[in-house]
Amino acid sequence: MIDTIILGHNQFFGVNHLEASRGNERGAYFSQVGRIMEMVNYCYDCGVRGIMMSTHERAIEVAGEIKKNARLHKGLGVYLLVPYAAKYIRKANESGLVNLVSESLKGTSLTNKIGVFWRGGMGVVRKDIRNVIRTMVDFEVAPFAHLNLKAIFLHDIPTDLVVGWDVPVALETFAEHVRTKYKSTPGFCTKNLPLLIRMLKHAGMENPLVMASVNKLGYQVNPSLEALEKCLATEKMRFLAMSTLAAGYLKPEEAYAYLYSLPQVVSTVVGVSRKEHAQETFAAIQGAMRKARLKSPHGGARQNNP
C-alpha cells in the first residue's frame, strides 16, 4: 500500500528548481539534521506516514535519526530514490574514486562489502548488466537497509537512459532484485511517462509504480501535458505525482484540484519547509481527494488509500 502523501526531500538538501538562492537558503537552514527531524516529526503528527529520500549524504544522517526514534523507525515508510548521481560526480572530483567507494559503504559489514565488490567486478568482466544493476542497488541501499523501505525507485536518469537504449532487461532486473532481496516495491522515476510505460508493458510488468512530474501548467512535464494525461487515461499504472505545485507557481488548492481530477493517481510527493505551508498543503490534498471521491466513487484517483 502506497501512502497517499509522501514528504519530499529536496528542500532539506537545498534543491529548488526555480530559484537557486532560495534553495541555498533552505539548504543552509536544514544543514542541521535536528531541524530536518523537527519537520519530519511535525509532518508525522499531521498524519504523513511516508518520506522520499535520495542517497544524499545528509539523508544518511536522517536515516540514523529515524532509526533512533522508535515511532518513526516503525511507522514511517521510506521511499528511496537511487542512485544520487550528483553525489558521485562531486565526491569523485573531491576525493577520488577509491575514497568515494569507501565512504559509500561505510557502516556495512565486511561480508556485504566483499559481496558488492565481487558481484560488481564479475559483472564488468562478463559484461553482465544484471550483476552490475544488482551491485548498484546494493551499493546505494546499504546505508538505508535498516529502515522501513516501502518502495525503491530507480532515478529518472538511468531509467530514461535504459528506455532510450531499449534495454528492458535492466528494468526487469532492478524490479526483481528490489522485490526479492529487499521485500520492497520497485518503482521507476521518469521524464517521459508514455515511453517508459510502453517499455514496461512490453516487458510484461503490469500495473507498475511510476513517478513523474505533473501539474496543470505543464511545468517540467514531458513530453507534454497532453501526452501524460492521455497515458494516465489509457494505460494501467500506479502513479506517484511530483512537481505538483509547479515550483510554487500554483497554490495548493488549485494544484490538487487538478491533480485529483486525473485517473490512477495514488500518491503525491510534497516538499514542505515550514509548518504553515505543511498545514495548508496537506489540507488542500485531503480536500481535493474528498471531492474527487464524491464526484466519482469508482474513478482512478478514488482508488487511493484512505
Protein backbone atom coordinates (compact mmCIF):
# COMPACT_ATOMS: atom_id res chain seq x y z
CA MET A 1 0.00 0.00 0.00
CA ILE A 2 1.46 3.31 -1.13
CA ASP A 3 1.00 6.28 1.22
CA THR A 4 -1.25 8.98 -0.23
CA ILE A 5 1.05 11.79 0.92
CA ILE A 6 4.83 11.40 0.86
CA LEU A 7 7.08 14.05 2.36
CA GLY A 8 9.60 15.21 -0.24
CA HIS A 9 13.29 15.75 0.43
CA ASN A 10 14.53 18.47 -1.97
CA GLN A 11 14.01 21.31 0.50
CA PHE A 12 16.20 19.55 3.06
CA PHE A 13 19.10 19.30 0.63
CA GLY A 14 18.91 22.80 -0.85
CA VAL A 15 17.29 21.84 -4.16
CA ASN A 16 14.96 24.41 -5.74
CA HIS A 17 14.14 24.11 -9.43
CA LEU A 18 13.05 27.74 -9.72
CA GLU A 19 15.42 29.81 -7.58
CA ALA A 20 18.91 28.61 -6.66
CA SER A 21 19.23 31.31 -3.97
CA ARG A 22 16.09 30.10 -2.22
CA GLY A 23 17.33 26.54 -2.42
CA ASN A 24 20.65 27.57 -0.89
CA GLU A 25 18.86 29.33 1.96
CA ARG A 26 16.80 26.25 2.75
CA GLY A 27 19.84 24.03 2.42
CA ALA A 28 21.71 26.18 4.91
CA TYR A 29 18.79 26.16 7.35
CA PHE A 30 18.41 22.39 7.15
CA SER A 31 22.15 21.76 7.37
CA GLN A 32 21.43 20.86 10.99
CA VAL A 33 19.82 17.44 10.98
CA GLY A 34 17.80 18.36 14.07
CA ARG A 35 15.83 20.88 12.00
CA ILE A 36 15.07 18.25 9.40
CA MET A 37 13.85 15.87 12.08
CA GLU A 38 11.68 18.58 13.63
CA MET A 39 9.85 18.94 10.30
CA VAL A 40 9.69 15.17 9.77
CA ASN A 41 8.15 14.70 13.22
CA TYR A 42 5.69 17.55 12.65
CA CYS A 43 4.52 16.02 9.36
CA TYR A 44 4.23 12.63 11.05
CA ASP A 45 1.99 14.24 13.69
CA CYS A 46 -0.11 15.59 10.81
CA GLY A 47 -0.69 12.05 9.59
CA VAL A 48 2.00 11.82 6.90
CA ARG A 49 3.47 8.31 7.02
CA GLY A 50 5.87 8.35 4.08
CA ILE A 51 9.08 10.17 3.20
CA MET A 52 11.00 10.30 -0.08
CA MET A 53 14.77 10.05 0.35
CA SER A 54 17.61 10.13 -2.12
CA THR A 55 21.00 8.73 -1.12
CA HIS A 56 22.37 12.21 -0.43
CA GLU A 57 24.94 12.24 2.38
CA ARG A 58 22.58 14.29 4.55
CA ALA A 59 19.92 11.62 4.04
CA ILE A 60 22.24 9.10 5.65
CA GLU A 61 22.25 11.28 8.79
CA VAL A 62 18.45 11.45 8.64
CA ALA A 63 18.30 7.66 8.32
CA GLY A 64 20.35 7.36 11.50
CA GLU A 65 17.97 9.68 13.35
CA ILE A 66 14.93 7.77 12.14
CA LYS A 67 16.47 4.55 13.44
CA LYS A 68 16.88 6.11 16.88
CA ASN A 69 13.23 7.20 17.00
CA ALA A 70 11.02 4.21 17.84
CA ARG A 71 7.79 5.53 16.32
CA LEU A 72 9.44 6.78 13.12
CA HIS A 73 11.52 3.64 12.72
CA LYS A 74 8.39 1.51 12.88
CA GLY A 75 5.74 3.77 11.39
CA LEU A 76 7.44 5.91 8.75
CA GLY A 77 7.64 4.36 5.30
CA VAL A 78 10.74 5.30 3.30
CA TYR A 79 10.60 5.70 -0.48
CA LEU A 80 14.21 5.53 -1.59
CA LEU A 81 15.40 7.07 -4.87
CA VAL A 82 18.58 5.55 -6.32
CA PRO A 83 21.19 6.44 -7.42
CA TYR A 84 22.01 10.04 -6.46
CA ALA A 85 24.18 10.83 -9.48
CA ALA A 86 25.26 14.33 -8.43
CA LYS A 87 26.76 12.90 -5.25
CA TYR A 88 29.09 10.60 -7.14
CA ILE A 89 30.25 13.24 -9.58
CA ARG A 90 31.05 15.73 -6.82
CA LYS A 91 32.66 13.28 -4.40
CA ALA A 92 34.73 11.61 -7.11
CA ASN A 93 36.12 15.02 -8.04
CA GLU A 94 36.80 15.91 -4.41
CA SER A 95 38.27 12.69 -3.00
CA GLY A 96 38.83 10.23 -5.84
CA LEU A 97 37.03 7.02 -6.70
CA VAL A 98 38.64 4.85 -4.01
CA ASN A 99 37.61 7.17 -1.17
CA LEU A 100 34.18 7.54 -2.76
CA VAL A 101 33.61 3.78 -2.62
CA SER A 102 34.91 3.55 0.98
CA GLU A 103 32.63 6.35 2.18
CA SER A 104 29.59 4.99 0.37
CA LEU A 105 29.96 1.57 2.01
CA LYS A 106 30.63 2.98 5.48
CA GLY A 107 28.57 1.17 8.10
CA THR A 108 28.09 -2.03 6.10
CA SER A 109 29.59 -5.35 7.20
CA LEU A 110 32.80 -6.73 5.71
CA THR A 111 30.82 -9.59 4.17
CA ASN A 112 28.46 -7.18 2.42
CA LYS A 113 31.38 -5.09 1.14
CA ILE A 114 33.10 -8.13 -0.30
CA GLY A 115 29.84 -9.27 -1.88
CA VAL A 116 29.27 -5.89 -3.53
CA PHE A 117 32.78 -5.75 -4.99
CA TRP A 118 32.71 -9.38 -6.12
CA ARG A 119 29.37 -9.15 -7.91
CA GLY A 120 30.17 -5.81 -9.48
CA GLY A 121 33.64 -6.85 -10.57
CA MET A 122 32.44 -10.08 -12.11
CA GLY A 123 29.63 -8.19 -13.80
CA VAL A 124 32.10 -5.88 -15.53
CA VAL A 125 34.33 -8.80 -16.56
CA ARG A 126 31.38 -10.71 -18.02
CA LYS A 127 29.64 -7.57 -19.27
CA ASP A 128 26.64 -8.85 -17.33
CA ILE A 129 24.22 -5.95 -16.95
CA ARG A 130 22.19 -7.88 -14.38
CA ASN A 131 25.07 -8.14 -11.91
CA VAL A 132 26.03 -4.51 -12.46
CA ILE A 133 22.48 -3.37 -11.69
CA ARG A 134 22.17 -5.54 -8.59
CA THR A 135 25.50 -4.21 -7.33
CA MET A 136 24.46 -0.61 -7.93
CA VAL A 137 21.25 -1.15 -5.98
CA ASP A 138 23.04 -2.85 -3.06
CA PHE A 139 25.68 -0.14 -3.03
CA GLU A 140 23.05 2.59 -2.77
CA VAL A 141 20.61 0.89 -0.41
CA ALA A 142 23.21 -0.31 2.13
CA PRO A 143 23.03 2.74 4.50
CA PHE A 144 19.20 2.60 4.46
CA ALA A 145 18.54 -1.15 4.57
CA HIS A 146 17.54 -0.99 8.25
CA LEU A 147 14.60 1.32 7.52
CA ASN A 148 11.01 0.52 6.55
CA LEU A 149 11.58 0.60 2.78
CA LYS A 150 8.11 0.82 1.25
CA ALA A 151 9.46 1.34 -2.27
CA ILE A 152 12.78 1.74 -4.04
CA PHE A 153 12.70 3.95 -7.13
CA LEU A 154 15.18 3.99 -9.98
CA HIS A 155 16.15 7.62 -10.65
CA ASP A 156 14.93 9.18 -13.89
CA ILE A 157 18.46 9.49 -15.34
CA PRO A 158 19.20 5.73 -15.51
CA THR A 159 15.54 4.92 -16.16
CA ASP A 160 15.31 7.16 -19.21
CA LEU A 161 18.75 6.10 -20.46
CA VAL A 162 17.62 2.48 -20.35
CA VAL A 163 14.41 3.38 -22.17
CA GLY A 164 16.36 5.32 -24.80
CA TRP A 165 18.80 2.45 -25.30
CA ASP A 166 15.91 -0.05 -25.41
CA VAL A 167 17.31 -2.38 -22.74
CA PRO A 168 14.19 -3.62 -20.88
CA VAL A 169 16.19 -6.34 -19.10
CA ALA A 170 17.75 -3.59 -16.96
CA LEU A 171 14.34 -2.51 -15.64
CA GLU A 172 13.27 -6.14 -15.15
CA THR A 173 16.43 -6.91 -13.17
CA PHE A 174 16.02 -3.84 -10.98
CA ALA A 175 12.41 -4.72 -10.18
CA GLU A 176 13.17 -8.37 -9.44
CA HIS A 177 16.11 -7.54 -7.17
CA VAL A 178 14.16 -4.96 -5.18
CA ARG A 179 11.28 -7.38 -4.66
CA THR A 180 13.32 -10.44 -3.73
CA LYS A 181 16.20 -9.03 -1.69
CA TYR A 182 14.57 -6.03 0.00
CA LYS A 183 10.93 -7.23 0.02
CA SER A 184 10.05 -3.77 -1.24
CA THR A 185 8.03 -2.34 -4.13
CA PRO A 186 10.10 -1.39 -7.19
CA GLY A 187 9.32 1.97 -8.77
CA PHE A 188 10.56 3.99 -11.71
CA CYS A 189 11.01 7.74 -11.95
CA THR A 190 10.88 9.19 -15.45
CA LYS A 191 10.77 12.35 -17.52
CA ASN A 192 8.86 10.56 -20.30
CA LEU A 193 5.95 8.57 -18.91
CA PRO A 194 4.49 7.30 -22.21
CA LEU A 195 7.79 5.81 -23.40
CA LEU A 196 8.51 4.21 -20.02
CA ILE A 197 5.04 2.65 -19.76
CA ARG A 198 5.39 1.29 -23.29
CA MET A 199 8.65 -0.46 -22.36
CA LEU A 200 7.34 -1.80 -19.04
CA LYS A 201 4.23 -3.11 -20.77
CA HIS A 202 6.35 -4.79 -23.44
CA ALA A 203 8.46 -6.38 -20.67
CA GLY A 204 5.34 -7.79 -19.04
CA MET A 205 5.41 -5.57 -15.94
CA GLU A 206 1.75 -4.91 -15.19
CA ASN A 207 0.41 -2.08 -13.05
CA PRO A 208 3.87 -0.60 -12.33
CA LEU A 209 4.58 2.06 -9.72
CA VAL A 210 5.86 5.12 -11.59
CA MET A 211 6.74 8.68 -10.61
CA ALA A 212 6.77 11.73 -12.87
CA SER A 213 6.16 15.47 -12.82
CA VAL A 214 2.60 16.63 -13.40
CA ASN A 215 0.84 19.95 -12.87
CA LYS A 216 -1.82 21.90 -14.73
CA LEU A 217 0.75 24.37 -16.11
CA GLY A 218 2.82 21.63 -17.71
CA TYR A 219 5.93 22.77 -15.82
CA GLN A 220 8.67 20.11 -16.20
CA VAL A 221 6.08 17.76 -17.73
CA ASN A 222 7.48 15.75 -20.64
CA PRO A 223 6.97 15.11 -23.50
CA SER A 224 3.84 17.23 -23.00
CA LEU A 225 0.97 17.61 -20.55
CA GLU A 226 -1.45 16.29 -23.16
CA ALA A 227 0.64 13.15 -23.72
CA LEU A 228 0.92 12.48 -19.99
CA GLU A 229 -2.83 12.94 -19.42
CA LYS A 230 -3.57 10.56 -22.31
CA CYS A 231 -1.18 7.98 -20.87
CA LEU A 232 -2.85 8.15 -17.46
CA ALA A 233 -6.25 7.75 -19.09
CA THR A 234 -5.37 4.75 -21.26
CA GLU A 235 -2.60 2.74 -19.54
CA LYS A 236 -2.67 0.82 -16.26
CA MET A 237 -0.29 2.02 -13.56
CA ARG A 238 0.03 3.34 -10.02
CA PHE A 239 1.05 6.97 -10.47
CA LEU A 240 3.02 8.97 -7.90
CA ALA A 241 2.94 12.68 -8.75
CA MET A 242 5.77 15.14 -8.17
CA SER A 243 6.33 18.83 -9.03
CA THR A 244 2.61 19.28 -8.46
CA LEU A 245 2.91 22.92 -7.38
CA ALA A 246 4.98 23.83 -10.47
CA ALA A 247 7.86 25.15 -8.33
CA GLY A 248 5.49 27.49 -6.47
CA TYR A 249 3.59 28.91 -9.45
CA LEU A 250 0.41 27.14 -8.28
CA LYS A 251 -1.41 27.45 -4.98
CA PRO A 252 -2.12 24.12 -3.26
CA GLU A 253 -5.93 24.20 -3.67
CA GLU A 254 -5.71 24.85 -7.41
CA ALA A 255 -2.89 22.36 -7.90
CA TYR A 256 -4.53 19.43 -6.13
CA ALA A 257 -8.00 20.04 -7.52
CA TYR A 258 -6.40 19.43 -10.93
CA LEU A 259 -4.21 16.53 -9.80
CA TYR A 260 -7.04 14.51 -8.31
CA SER A 261 -9.20 15.04 -11.38
CA LEU A 262 -6.74 12.71 -13.14
CA PRO A 263 -7.09 8.91 -13.09
CA GLN A 264 -4.70 6.48 -11.39
CA VAL A 265 -3.05 8.99 -9.04
CA VAL A 266 -2.28 7.01 -5.89
CA SER A 267 0.08 9.44 -4.17
CA THR A 268 1.83 12.79 -4.32
CA VAL A 269 5.26 13.88 -3.14
CA VAL A 270 5.18 17.19 -1.26
CA GLY A 271 8.17 19.25 -0.22
CA VAL A 272 7.43 21.48 2.78
CA SER A 273 9.88 23.55 4.78
CA ARG A 274 7.53 25.46 7.11
CA LYS A 275 4.77 24.22 9.39
CA GLU A 276 2.24 26.73 8.00
CA HIS A 277 3.00 25.55 4.47
CA ALA A 278 2.63 21.94 5.57
CA GLN A 279 -0.80 22.57 7.11
CA GLU A 280 -2.06 24.39 4.02
CA THR A 281 -0.71 21.78 1.61
CA PHE A 282 -1.91 18.70 3.45
CA ALA A 283 -5.37 20.22 3.94
CA ALA A 284 -5.59 21.02 0.22
CA ILE A 285 -4.61 17.46 -0.73
CA GLN A 286 -7.11 15.88 1.63
CA GLY A 287 -9.87 18.27 0.50
CA ALA A 288 -9.21 17.53 -3.18
CA MET A 289 -9.26 13.79 -2.52
CA ARG A 290 -12.60 14.01 -0.70
CA LYS A 291 -14.16 15.98 -3.55
CA ALA A 292 -12.80 13.52 -6.09
CA ARG A 293 -14.35 10.58 -4.20
CA LEU A 294 -17.74 12.31 -4.10
CA LYS A 295 -17.69 13.09 -7.82
CA SER A 296 -16.64 9.63 -8.98
CA PRO A 297 -16.66 6.82 -6.40
CA HIS A 298 -15.09 4.40 -8.90
CA GLY A 299 -12.63 6.74 -10.64
CA GLY A 300 -8.84 6.41 -10.73
CA ALA A 301 -7.97 8.99 -8.08
CA ARG A 302 -10.63 7.49 -5.87
CA GLN A 303 -8.70 4.24 -5.67
CA ASN A 304 -6.20 5.80 -3.26
CA ASN A 305 -5.56 4.52 0.22
CA PRO A 306 -7.60 6.39 2.84
